[in-house]
């Protein structure tokens, strides 16, 4: 099964995260990616 996302609203500009927030987001994405049921994780995080 493949899930897709279609944006219905106009593009929202990037939000800057403080270091602690970014670490939480990265930890969450790593946990999701490590799940055996997840094939691909795409995240648009700027450096």
C-alpha atoms as a PDB file:
ATOM      1  CA  UNK A   1       0.000   0.000   0.000  1.00  0.00           C
ATOM      2  CA  UNK A   2       1.281   3.460  -0.845  1.00  0.00           C
ATOM      3  CA  UNK A   3       0.103   6.628   0.868  1.00  0.00           C
ATOM      4  CA  UNK A   4       0.441   9.946  -0.929  1.00  0.00           C
ATOM      5  CA  UNK A   5      -0.036  13.517   0.230  1.00  0.00           C
ATOM      6  CA  UNK A   6      -1.581  16.196  -1.944  1.00  0.00           C
ATOM      7  CA  UNK A   7      -1.179  19.760  -0.716  1.00  0.00           C
ATOM      8  CA  UNK A   8      -4.476  21.616  -0.811  1.00  0.00           C
ATOM      9  CA  UNK A   9      -3.252  24.929   0.587  1.00  0.00           C
ATOM     10  CA  UNK A  10      -0.583  27.209  -0.830  1.00  0.00           C
ATOM     11  CA  UNK A  11       3.009  26.461   0.120  1.00  0.00           C
ATOM     12  CA  UNK A  12       3.917  27.457   3.679  1.00  0.00           C
ATOM     13  CA  UNK A  13       7.429  28.858   4.176  1.00  0.00           C
ATOM     14  CA  UNK A  14       9.941  26.913   6.239  1.00  0.00           C
ATOM     15  CA  UNK A  15       9.832  27.094   9.998  1.00  0.00           C
ATOM     16  CA  UNK A  16      13.117  27.389  11.860  1.00  0.00           C
ATOM     17  CA  UNK A  17      13.588  24.933  14.711  1.00  0.00           C
ATOM     18  CA  UNK A  18      15.800  25.437  17.721  1.00  0.00           C
ATOM     19  CA  UNK A  19      18.346  22.677  18.342  1.00  0.00           C
ATOM     20  CA  UNK A  20      16.208  20.864  20.930  1.00  0.00           C
ATOM     21  CA  UNK A  21      13.160  20.846  18.639  1.00  0.00           C
ATOM     22  CA  UNK A  22      15.206  19.616  15.678  1.00  0.00           C
ATOM     23  CA  UNK A  23      16.663  16.787  17.779  1.00  0.00           C
ATOM     24  CA  UNK A  24      13.130  15.694  18.745  1.00  0.00           C
ATOM     25  CA  UNK A  25      12.010  15.763  15.099  1.00  0.00           C
ATOM     26  CA  UNK A  26      15.083  13.798  13.973  1.00  0.00           C
ATOM     27  CA  UNK A  27      14.588  11.218  16.755  1.00  0.00           C
ATOM     28  CA  UNK A  28      10.945  10.790  15.715  1.00  0.00           C
ATOM     29  CA  UNK A  29      11.844  10.362  12.045  1.00  0.00           C
ATOM     30  CA  UNK A  30      14.578   7.844  12.909  1.00  0.00           C
ATOM     31  CA  UNK A  31      12.104   5.852  15.023  1.00  0.00           C
ATOM     32  CA  UNK A  32       9.549   5.826  12.214  1.00  0.00           C
ATOM     33  CA  UNK A  33      12.215   4.837   9.671  1.00  0.00           C
ATOM     34  CA  UNK A  34      13.410   1.994  11.926  1.00  0.00           C
ATOM     35  CA  UNK A  35       9.928   0.433  12.006  1.00  0.00           C
ATOM     36  CA  UNK A  36       9.807  -2.742   9.894  1.00  0.00           C
ATOM     37  CA  UNK A  37       6.452  -1.737   8.389  1.00  0.00           C
ATOM     38  CA  UNK A  38       7.825   1.546   6.996  1.00  0.00           C
ATOM     39  CA  UNK A  39       9.489   1.454   3.584  1.00  0.00           C
ATOM     40  CA  UNK A  40      10.470   5.077   2.912  1.00  0.00           C
ATOM     41  CA  UNK A  41      10.539   8.274   4.949  1.00  0.00           C
ATOM     42  CA  UNK A  42      10.959  11.596   3.141  1.00  0.00           C
ATOM     43  CA  UNK A  43      11.464  14.713   5.221  1.00  0.00           C
ATOM     44  CA  UNK A  44      12.278  18.196   4.037  1.00  0.00           C
ATOM     45  CA  UNK A  45      14.628  19.378   6.771  1.00  0.00           C
ATOM     46  CA  UNK A  46      17.087  22.075   5.835  1.00  0.00           C
ATOM     47  CA  UNK A  47      20.516  22.081   7.453  1.00  0.00           C
END
